[in-house]
Amino acid sequence: MKKLWITYKAIIYGNCTVPAIPQSSIYYWKNQLFAITVMFLLPMSIIVLVPGIFMAYKFSLTGMLLSDFVTVATILAVAFMPGISVFARKLLFNGALYTTSVVMLHYLGSNGPGLLYLFAITIFVLVSLDQLYGYLTLMLNTLICIYFGIALYYGFASSILLKEYQLDSWFAVSSNLVFLSGIAVFLIPTLFNGLQSAFKQQEQLKDKLEDSIENLNSKNKELEQFAYTVSHDLKEPLRMVRSFMELLKNKYGKILDNKAHEYIHYAVEGAERMGDNIDDLLEYSRIGRKYTTIEQTDLNSLVDGILKNLTSDIEESQAQISIADLPTMHLVPVSIKILFQNLLTNALKYHPEGQRPVITIEAEEKNNCWQFAVTDNGIGIDAKYHEQVFAVFNRLHMRDEFPGSGMGLAISKKIVEQHDGQIWIESNKEQGSTFKFTICKILPGKKK
């Protein structure tokens, strides 16, 4: 039954809509409304047409019987007959319903839905066609009301109408139809025009946003390339500074005083620190530029490899590390390895003197992503610094307390964003930290 309904729906939409019209056009939505009306009117019409045909046959209302059959045949043609334009289908649909309404008004008077149908068809016309056809409908409604008024006055209306209405009562009833039709003709197109204006503005904003995003992406690529080039070019003079300082120390060390040796030490240390910063900046620029290959990766094996690299640090601090079962995902393994290594290194590094680090890695499956958590029992981070820690070269401690360049979490954030995820911290000072991040199951450029 479901398959039959899907086929039925596809046929109706195929015949009653124009695929080439963009969704930002009001005509797209008018066609959609028309298709939906036809789609539901066909099965729903059984409720009114079958009893109507039976009653017309029983009371020998030949005109009404003929009208019902013509209406059914017309709607079936609108729905299923190929080779008819959408505009012609709309005219046939509304014309058939219009004819049926007038016939019902003639034969049934207020016992039938004639006047109600005339108003409903006015709405259908305005929803499916332009305002011009709404004006035509308003004029037809007015002429029909005048016609039946004349028929009542001269006595050639149907017996039911003559029995139910005098000219004044007919005028009172039919004027409501004309009034409501007029209100609809002026208000509904205004609504559609407002929607069209909103669609147009939305399209313009979308174009501006796409241009801005393209501009931003271009600037980011330029900035990454600039950072890479500058970083690479800066390393050579730093090597020269360090080499000459060491040569100075080796050749003239015996004749230099302690102050000079201190200056040389600071110069060499500064050059080394700058070199480390440049290496981290180069690593930062490679994320999303050089490290882009997506592979199916077992994160259990990946993290196990990282722990082997950190064996000396783990043994020295006597750290206790527990790892939950981690998923196998499509991701950029080089980047994710850097991410876990940064978080684990921080968890080992930032703990009070003499305290044994306790670290856990957990994973939880969500709807569209996996959420990971790296928890430690370290020194913690005050809530006011939770956003700052992900900034480039941002440090919360002096270098003599905890070494590092302040780039680790900035690199981690960029890696997570490369995988369409988010990273955040849950921590308080001296209460340990939990770094949580998500990795999207389906990455851009990777199909399901």
Protein backbone atom coordinates (compact mmCIF):
# COMPACT_ATOMS: atom_id res chain seq x y z
CA MET A 1 0.00 0.00 0.00
CA LYS A 2 2.85 2.33 0.89
CA LYS A 3 4.56 1.61 -2.44
CA LEU A 4 1.29 2.34 -4.29
CA TRP A 5 0.92 5.68 -2.46
CA ILE A 6 4.53 6.65 -3.29
CA THR A 7 3.94 5.86 -6.97
CA TYR A 8 0.64 7.80 -6.95
CA LYS A 9 2.32 10.78 -5.30
CA ALA A 10 5.21 10.71 -7.77
CA ILE A 11 2.83 10.74 -10.76
CA ILE A 12 0.84 13.69 -9.36
CA TYR A 13 3.95 15.72 -8.58
CA GLY A 14 5.46 14.83 -11.95
CA ASN A 15 2.38 16.13 -13.80
CA CYS A 16 1.45 19.11 -11.59
CA THR A 17 4.83 20.73 -10.88
CA VAL A 18 7.69 22.19 -12.91
CA PRO A 19 11.05 20.81 -11.66
CA ALA A 20 13.08 23.58 -13.29
CA ILE A 21 11.59 26.27 -11.04
CA PRO A 22 13.93 27.03 -8.07
CA GLN A 23 12.59 26.77 -4.51
CA SER A 24 13.26 30.48 -3.99
CA SER A 25 10.47 31.30 -6.49
CA ILE A 26 6.91 31.72 -5.24
CA TYR A 27 5.71 29.78 -8.31
CA TYR A 28 7.53 26.72 -7.02
CA TRP A 29 5.41 26.78 -3.86
CA LYS A 30 2.22 27.55 -5.81
CA ASN A 31 2.85 24.45 -7.90
CA GLN A 32 3.56 22.43 -4.76
CA LEU A 33 0.27 23.55 -3.21
CA PHE A 34 -1.59 22.74 -6.42
CA ALA A 35 -0.06 19.24 -6.59
CA ILE A 36 -0.93 18.57 -2.93
CA THR A 37 -4.51 19.79 -3.52
CA VAL A 38 -4.95 17.44 -6.49
CA MET A 39 -3.27 14.58 -4.65
CA PHE A 40 -5.61 14.69 -1.65
CA LEU A 41 -8.74 15.87 -3.49
CA LEU A 42 -8.95 12.70 -5.58
CA PRO A 43 -9.35 10.23 -2.68
CA MET A 44 -11.31 12.75 -0.55
CA SER A 45 -13.77 13.54 -3.37
CA ILE A 46 -15.26 10.05 -2.98
CA ILE A 47 -16.83 11.29 0.25
CA VAL A 48 -18.92 13.92 -1.57
CA LEU A 49 -19.12 12.78 -5.20
CA VAL A 50 -20.47 9.26 -4.65
CA PRO A 51 -23.43 10.45 -2.51
CA GLY A 52 -23.91 13.40 -4.89
CA ILE A 53 -24.08 11.13 -7.96
CA PHE A 54 -26.45 8.79 -6.16
CA MET A 55 -28.76 11.64 -5.14
CA ALA A 56 -28.66 13.18 -8.64
CA TYR A 57 -29.59 9.80 -10.13
CA LYS A 58 -32.36 9.17 -7.57
CA PHE A 59 -34.03 12.54 -8.10
CA SER A 60 -33.36 12.62 -11.86
CA LEU A 61 -31.15 15.71 -11.66
CA THR A 62 -29.61 15.13 -15.08
CA GLY A 63 -27.57 18.33 -15.18
CA MET A 64 -26.06 17.67 -11.77
CA LEU A 65 -25.28 14.03 -12.65
CA LEU A 66 -23.57 15.09 -15.87
CA SER A 67 -21.63 17.82 -14.02
CA ASP A 68 -20.34 15.33 -11.42
CA PHE A 69 -19.10 12.91 -14.08
CA VAL A 70 -17.42 15.71 -16.05
CA THR A 71 -15.74 16.98 -12.85
CA VAL A 72 -14.40 13.53 -11.96
CA ALA A 73 -13.15 12.96 -15.51
CA THR A 74 -11.48 16.40 -15.58
CA ILE A 75 -9.70 15.91 -12.23
CA LEU A 76 -8.49 12.46 -13.34
CA ALA A 77 -7.15 14.01 -16.55
CA VAL A 78 -5.44 16.77 -14.56
CA ALA A 79 -3.83 14.19 -12.30
CA PHE A 80 -2.81 11.45 -14.72
CA MET A 81 -3.02 12.50 -18.39
CA PRO A 82 0.46 13.24 -19.81
CA GLY A 83 1.29 16.00 -22.26
CA ILE A 84 -0.72 18.80 -20.59
CA SER A 85 1.07 21.88 -19.27
CA VAL A 86 0.85 22.69 -15.55
CA PHE A 87 -0.89 25.97 -16.36
CA ALA A 88 -3.56 24.17 -18.45
CA ARG A 89 -4.07 21.64 -15.62
CA LYS A 90 -4.72 24.49 -13.21
CA LEU A 91 -7.31 26.05 -15.56
CA LEU A 92 -9.06 22.69 -16.10
CA PHE A 93 -9.05 21.90 -12.39
CA ASN A 94 -10.48 25.24 -11.26
CA GLY A 95 -12.92 25.41 -14.20
CA ALA A 96 -14.37 21.95 -13.44
CA LEU A 97 -14.85 22.79 -9.77
CA TYR A 98 -16.37 26.15 -10.68
CA THR A 99 -18.92 24.51 -12.99
CA THR A 100 -19.86 21.93 -10.34
CA SER A 101 -20.34 24.68 -7.74
CA VAL A 102 -22.72 26.64 -9.98
CA VAL A 103 -24.68 23.47 -10.84
CA MET A 104 -25.00 22.55 -7.15
CA LEU A 105 -26.13 26.07 -6.32
CA HIS A 106 -28.77 25.83 -9.04
CA TYR A 107 -30.13 22.39 -8.07
CA LEU A 108 -29.63 22.36 -4.29
CA GLY A 109 -29.72 25.98 -3.19
CA SER A 110 -28.68 26.36 0.47
CA ASN A 111 -29.02 22.59 0.94
CA GLY A 112 -25.77 22.16 -1.00
CA PRO A 113 -22.30 23.69 -0.65
CA GLY A 114 -22.55 25.82 -3.82
CA LEU A 115 -21.75 29.23 -2.30
CA LEU A 116 -19.11 27.72 0.00
CA TYR A 117 -17.46 25.97 -2.97
CA LEU A 118 -17.42 29.21 -4.97
CA PHE A 119 -15.47 30.88 -2.18
CA ALA A 120 -13.16 27.87 -1.78
CA ILE A 121 -12.40 27.88 -5.52
CA THR A 122 -11.56 31.57 -5.28
CA ILE A 123 -8.91 30.57 -2.74
CA PHE A 124 -7.67 27.72 -4.99
CA VAL A 125 -7.35 30.11 -7.94
CA LEU A 126 -5.36 32.63 -5.88
CA VAL A 127 -3.11 29.93 -4.45
CA SER A 128 -2.37 28.27 -7.79
CA LEU A 129 -2.53 31.18 -10.29
CA ASP A 130 -1.73 34.90 -10.41
CA GLN A 131 -3.79 37.74 -8.92
CA LEU A 132 -5.18 38.54 -12.39
CA TYR A 133 -7.14 35.26 -12.31
CA GLY A 134 -8.30 36.18 -8.81
CA TYR A 135 -9.87 39.34 -10.23
CA LEU A 136 -11.53 37.20 -12.91
CA THR A 137 -12.90 34.86 -10.22
CA LEU A 138 -14.26 37.82 -8.23
CA MET A 139 -15.98 39.11 -11.38
CA LEU A 140 -17.45 35.66 -12.11
CA ASN A 141 -18.73 35.32 -8.54
CA THR A 142 -20.38 38.72 -8.85
CA LEU A 143 -21.97 37.83 -12.22
CA ILE A 144 -23.22 34.46 -10.89
CA CYS A 145 -24.84 36.18 -7.92
CA ILE A 146 -26.43 38.76 -10.26
CA TYR A 147 -27.61 35.98 -12.59
CA PHE A 148 -29.35 34.06 -9.80
CA GLY A 149 -30.79 37.34 -8.49
CA ILE A 150 -32.33 38.01 -11.92
CA ALA A 151 -33.56 34.40 -12.09
CA LEU A 152 -35.29 34.83 -8.74
CA TYR A 153 -36.80 38.15 -9.75
CA TYR A 154 -38.23 36.85 -13.01
CA GLY A 155 -39.12 33.43 -11.61
CA PHE A 156 -37.04 31.16 -13.83
CA ALA A 157 -34.70 29.95 -11.06
CA SER A 158 -34.94 26.35 -9.84
CA SER A 159 -37.86 25.46 -7.60
CA ILE A 160 -35.56 25.03 -4.60
CA LEU A 161 -34.08 28.51 -5.00
CA LEU A 162 -37.53 30.06 -5.51
CA LYS A 163 -38.76 28.32 -2.38
CA GLU A 164 -35.74 29.35 -0.24
CA TYR A 165 -34.98 32.92 -1.33
CA GLN A 166 -36.64 36.19 -2.08
CA LEU A 167 -34.58 38.77 -3.95
CA ASP A 168 -33.65 40.67 -0.78
CA SER A 169 -32.60 37.53 1.15
CA TRP A 170 -30.59 36.31 -1.85
CA PHE A 171 -28.85 39.69 -2.05
CA ALA A 172 -27.96 39.49 1.66
CA VAL A 173 -26.52 35.96 1.32
CA SER A 174 -24.70 36.36 -2.00
CA SER A 175 -23.16 39.72 -1.08
CA ASN A 176 -21.20 37.91 1.65
CA LEU A 177 -19.68 35.65 -1.03
CA VAL A 178 -18.66 38.68 -3.11
CA PHE A 179 -17.28 40.46 -0.03
CA LEU A 180 -15.20 37.49 1.16
CA SER A 181 -13.98 36.83 -2.39
CA GLY A 182 -12.86 40.45 -2.68
CA ILE A 183 -11.00 40.29 0.64
CA ALA A 184 -9.25 37.08 -0.47
CA VAL A 185 -8.31 38.55 -3.88
CA PHE A 186 -6.57 41.50 -2.25
CA LEU A 187 -5.04 39.84 0.83
CA ILE A 188 -3.72 36.47 -0.40
CA PRO A 189 -1.58 37.91 -3.25
CA THR A 190 -0.17 40.41 -0.73
CA LEU A 191 0.87 37.48 1.42
CA PHE A 192 2.51 35.73 -1.54
CA ASN A 193 4.27 38.95 -2.60
CA GLY A 194 5.63 39.28 0.94
CA LEU A 195 6.87 35.69 0.82
CA GLN A 196 8.49 36.29 -2.57
CA SER A 197 10.22 39.37 -1.18
CA ALA A 198 11.43 37.35 1.81
CA PHE A 199 12.70 34.60 -0.52
CA LYS A 200 14.54 37.19 -2.60
CA GLN A 201 16.17 38.75 0.46
CA GLN A 202 17.11 35.31 1.75
CA GLU A 203 18.69 34.46 -1.61
CA GLN A 204 20.65 37.71 -1.58
CA LEU A 205 21.84 37.06 1.98
CA LYS A 206 22.80 33.52 1.01
CA ASP A 207 24.84 34.81 -1.95
CA LYS A 208 26.56 37.36 0.31
CA LEU A 209 27.27 34.69 2.91
CA GLU A 210 28.72 32.34 0.28
CA ASP A 211 30.90 35.16 -1.03
CA SER A 212 32.04 35.96 2.51
CA ILE A 213 32.82 32.30 3.23
CA GLU A 214 34.74 31.99 -0.04
CA ASN A 215 36.61 35.19 0.80
CA LEU A 216 37.37 33.93 4.30
CA ASN A 217 38.58 30.56 3.03
CA SER A 218 40.82 32.31 0.52
CA LYS A 219 42.26 34.58 3.24
CA ASN A 220 42.78 31.59 5.54
CA LYS A 221 44.69 29.75 2.82
CA GLU A 222 46.80 32.84 2.18
CA LEU A 223 47.45 33.19 5.92
CA GLU A 224 48.41 29.52 6.25
CA GLN A 225 50.76 29.80 3.29
CA PHE A 226 52.20 33.01 4.71
CA ALA A 227 52.75 31.38 8.13
CA TYR A 228 54.43 28.40 6.49
CA THR A 229 56.72 30.56 4.34
CA VAL A 230 57.66 32.99 7.12
CA SER A 231 58.20 30.19 9.63
CA HIS A 232 60.41 28.27 7.23
CA ASP A 233 62.45 31.38 6.36
CA LEU A 234 62.90 32.37 10.03
CA LYS A 235 64.47 29.07 11.05
CA GLU A 236 67.68 29.67 9.10
CA PRO A 237 68.70 32.95 10.83
CA LEU A 238 67.81 31.39 14.20
CA ARG A 239 70.16 28.49 13.49
CA MET A 240 72.85 31.03 12.63
CA VAL A 241 72.29 32.93 15.90
CA ARG A 242 72.53 29.73 17.91
CA SER A 243 75.61 28.48 16.02
CA PHE A 244 77.49 31.77 16.39
CA MET A 245 76.63 31.99 20.09
CA GLU A 246 78.03 28.51 20.61
CA LEU A 247 81.13 29.37 18.56
CA LEU A 248 81.57 32.51 20.66
CA LYS A 249 81.29 30.46 23.83
CA ASN A 250 83.71 27.77 22.64
CA LYS A 251 86.36 30.17 21.29
CA TYR A 252 86.24 32.96 23.86
CA GLY A 253 84.66 31.19 26.83
CA LYS A 254 87.82 31.31 28.89
CA ILE A 255 88.20 35.08 28.66
CA LEU A 256 84.48 35.94 29.08
CA ASP A 257 83.09 36.73 32.53
CA ASN A 258 80.00 35.14 34.11
CA LYS A 259 77.76 37.94 32.89
CA ALA A 260 78.78 37.29 29.27
CA HIS A 261 78.19 33.55 29.72
CA GLU A 262 74.72 34.37 31.11
CA TYR A 263 73.95 36.53 28.08
CA ILE A 264 75.09 33.77 25.73
CA HIS A 265 72.90 31.28 27.61
CA TYR A 266 69.86 33.54 27.29
CA ALA A 267 70.52 34.09 23.57
CA VAL A 268 70.86 30.34 22.88
CA GLU A 269 67.81 29.52 25.01
CA GLY A 270 65.78 32.24 23.25
CA ALA A 271 66.84 30.92 19.83
CA GLU A 272 65.86 27.38 20.83
CA ARG A 273 62.51 28.57 22.18
CA MET A 274 61.84 30.57 19.03
CA GLY A 275 62.75 27.51 16.96
CA ASP A 276 60.25 25.43 18.94
CA ASN A 277 57.58 28.09 18.41
CA ILE A 278 58.25 28.12 14.68
CA ASP A 279 58.03 24.31 14.54
CA ASP A 280 54.65 24.47 16.31
CA LEU A 281 53.48 27.22 13.95
CA LEU A 282 54.51 25.09 10.99
CA GLU A 283 52.57 22.17 12.48
CA TYR A 284 49.55 24.44 12.91
CA SER A 285 49.71 25.54 9.27
CA ARG A 286 49.89 21.92 8.04
CA ILE A 287 46.52 21.00 9.63
CA GLY A 288 43.94 21.09 6.84
CA ARG A 289 46.59 21.99 4.25
CA LYS A 290 49.05 19.12 4.23
CA TYR A 291 47.32 16.63 6.53
CA THR A 292 44.15 15.90 4.55
CA THR A 293 44.15 12.19 3.66
CA ILE A 294 41.10 10.46 5.18
CA GLU A 295 41.62 6.80 6.15
CA GLN A 296 39.70 4.20 8.12
CA THR A 297 41.57 4.18 11.43
CA ASP A 298 41.39 2.00 14.53
CA LEU A 299 41.75 4.53 17.34
CA ASN A 300 42.73 1.80 19.81
CA SER A 301 45.86 1.06 17.76
CA LEU A 302 46.52 4.76 17.20
CA VAL A 303 46.39 5.61 20.93
CA ASP A 304 48.45 2.53 21.77
CA GLY A 305 51.18 3.82 19.44
CA ILE A 306 51.11 7.21 21.19
CA LEU A 307 51.50 5.58 24.62
CA LYS A 308 54.59 3.73 23.37
CA ASN A 309 56.09 7.07 22.28
CA LEU A 310 55.36 8.50 25.75
CA THR A 311 56.70 5.48 27.64
CA SER A 312 59.54 7.38 29.34
CA ASP A 313 57.23 10.18 30.55
CA ILE A 314 54.66 7.65 31.78
CA GLU A 315 57.26 5.60 33.67
CA GLU A 316 58.94 8.68 35.14
CA SER A 317 55.66 10.05 36.54
CA GLN A 318 54.29 6.55 37.33
CA ALA A 319 51.07 7.58 35.54
CA GLN A 320 48.01 5.34 35.60
CA ILE A 321 46.23 5.43 32.23
CA SER A 322 42.97 3.61 31.43
CA ILE A 323 41.45 3.59 27.97
CA ALA A 324 37.93 2.52 27.06
CA ASP A 325 37.18 0.67 23.84
CA LEU A 326 37.59 3.24 21.05
CA PRO A 327 35.84 3.15 17.63
CA THR A 328 37.22 2.66 14.15
CA MET A 329 36.46 5.77 12.08
CA HIS A 330 37.15 7.51 8.79
CA LEU A 331 39.41 10.44 9.71
CA VAL A 332 42.80 12.04 9.09
CA PRO A 333 45.05 9.75 11.17
CA VAL A 334 48.10 12.07 11.21
CA SER A 335 46.00 14.92 12.65
CA ILE A 336 44.15 12.76 15.18
CA LYS A 337 47.44 11.29 16.40
CA ILE A 338 48.71 14.83 17.08
CA LEU A 339 45.41 15.63 18.87
CA PHE A 340 45.57 12.66 21.29
CA GLN A 341 49.30 13.12 21.82
CA ASN A 342 48.81 16.80 22.75
CA LEU A 343 46.04 16.00 25.23
CA LEU A 344 47.90 13.08 26.80
CA THR A 345 51.15 15.08 27.05
CA ASN A 346 49.29 17.91 28.80
CA ALA A 347 47.63 15.44 31.18
CA LEU A 348 51.06 14.03 32.10
CA LYS A 349 52.69 17.44 32.37
CA TYR A 350 50.18 19.57 34.30
CA HIS A 351 49.98 17.83 37.67
CA PRO A 352 51.21 18.81 41.14
CA GLU A 353 54.73 17.80 42.18
CA GLY A 354 54.78 14.33 43.70
CA GLN A 355 51.23 13.44 42.60
CA ARG A 356 50.72 10.36 40.46
CA PRO A 357 48.82 11.27 37.26
CA VAL A 358 45.57 9.33 36.70
CA ILE A 359 44.29 9.64 33.13
CA THR A 360 41.25 8.12 31.40
CA ILE A 361 40.18 8.17 27.75
CA GLU A 362 36.52 7.44 26.98
CA ALA A 363 34.32 7.46 23.88
CA GLU A 364 30.54 7.79 23.53
CA GLU A 365 28.57 7.38 20.30
CA LYS A 366 26.13 10.17 19.43
CA ASN A 367 23.73 10.57 16.48
CA ASN A 368 26.16 12.05 13.94
CA CYS A 369 29.46 11.90 15.79
CA TRP A 370 31.62 10.25 18.43
CA GLN A 371 32.30 12.21 21.61
CA PHE A 372 35.66 11.63 23.33
CA ALA A 373 36.78 12.63 26.82
CA VAL A 374 40.36 12.82 28.15
CA THR A 375 40.24 13.23 31.93
CA ASP A 376 43.11 13.85 34.36
CA ASN A 377 43.59 14.60 38.07
CA GLY A 378 46.00 17.48 37.44
CA ILE A 379 46.16 21.12 38.51
CA GLY A 380 42.94 22.03 36.68
CA ILE A 381 42.05 25.28 34.92
CA ASP A 382 40.00 28.14 36.31
CA ALA A 383 36.66 28.53 34.48
CA LYS A 384 37.53 32.06 33.32
CA TYR A 385 40.40 30.65 31.22
CA HIS A 386 38.44 27.87 29.49
CA GLU A 387 38.19 29.76 26.18
CA GLN A 388 41.67 31.33 26.32
CA VAL A 389 43.54 28.03 26.52
CA PHE A 390 42.68 27.27 22.86
CA ALA A 391 44.23 30.51 21.56
CA VAL A 392 47.53 30.52 19.65
CA PHE A 393 50.66 30.91 21.85
CA ASN A 394 48.53 31.40 24.96
CA ARG A 395 50.11 30.20 28.21
CA LEU A 396 48.70 30.27 31.74
CA HIS A 397 51.99 29.39 33.47
CA MET A 398 55.59 30.54 33.43
CA ARG A 399 58.05 28.46 31.38
CA ASP A 400 60.10 27.58 34.42
CA GLU A 401 56.96 25.98 35.93
CA PHE A 402 55.77 24.02 32.87
CA PRO A 403 57.68 24.02 29.55
CA GLY A 404 55.92 24.46 26.21
CA SER A 405 55.01 26.98 23.53
CA GLY A 406 51.28 27.34 24.22
CA MET A 407 50.38 25.95 20.80
CA GLY A 408 49.24 22.42 21.74
CA LEU A 409 45.58 23.19 22.44
CA ALA A 410 45.35 25.64 19.51
CA ILE A 411 46.54 22.83 17.22
CA SER A 412 44.10 20.42 18.90
CA LYS A 413 41.19 22.81 18.30
CA LYS A 414 42.08 23.17 14.63
CA ILE A 415 42.29 19.37 14.22
CA VAL A 416 38.84 18.90 15.81
CA GLU A 417 37.34 21.59 13.56
CA GLN A 418 38.96 19.85 10.56
CA HIS A 419 36.81 16.83 11.52
CA ASP A 420 33.61 18.94 11.79
CA GLY A 421 33.68 18.68 15.57
CA GLN A 422 33.89 20.85 18.68
CA ILE A 423 36.28 20.83 21.62
CA TRP A 424 35.71 22.20 25.11
CA ILE A 425 37.01 21.84 28.66
CA GLU A 426 35.27 20.97 31.91
CA SER A 427 37.57 21.90 34.78
CA ASN A 428 38.10 23.87 37.97
CA LYS A 429 41.36 24.94 39.55
CA GLU A 430 43.10 22.12 41.48
CA GLN A 431 40.30 19.67 40.59
CA GLY A 432 41.62 18.10 37.41
CA SER A 433 40.44 18.62 33.83
CA THR A 434 38.30 16.85 31.25
CA PHE A 435 38.87 17.77 27.63
CA LYS A 436 35.88 16.73 25.52
CA PHE A 437 35.74 16.78 21.75
CA THR A 438 33.58 15.38 18.95
CA ILE A 439 34.54 13.85 15.60
CA CYS A 440 31.91 13.73 12.86
CA LYS A 441 31.12 10.24 11.56
CA ILE A 442 30.85 11.44 7.94
CA LEU A 443 33.50 14.00 7.03
CA PRO A 444 33.16 16.52 4.13
CA GLY A 445 34.17 14.76 0.92
CA LYS A 446 33.58 11.33 2.45
CA LYS A 447 30.35 9.67 1.26
CA LYS A 448 28.25 7.38 3.41
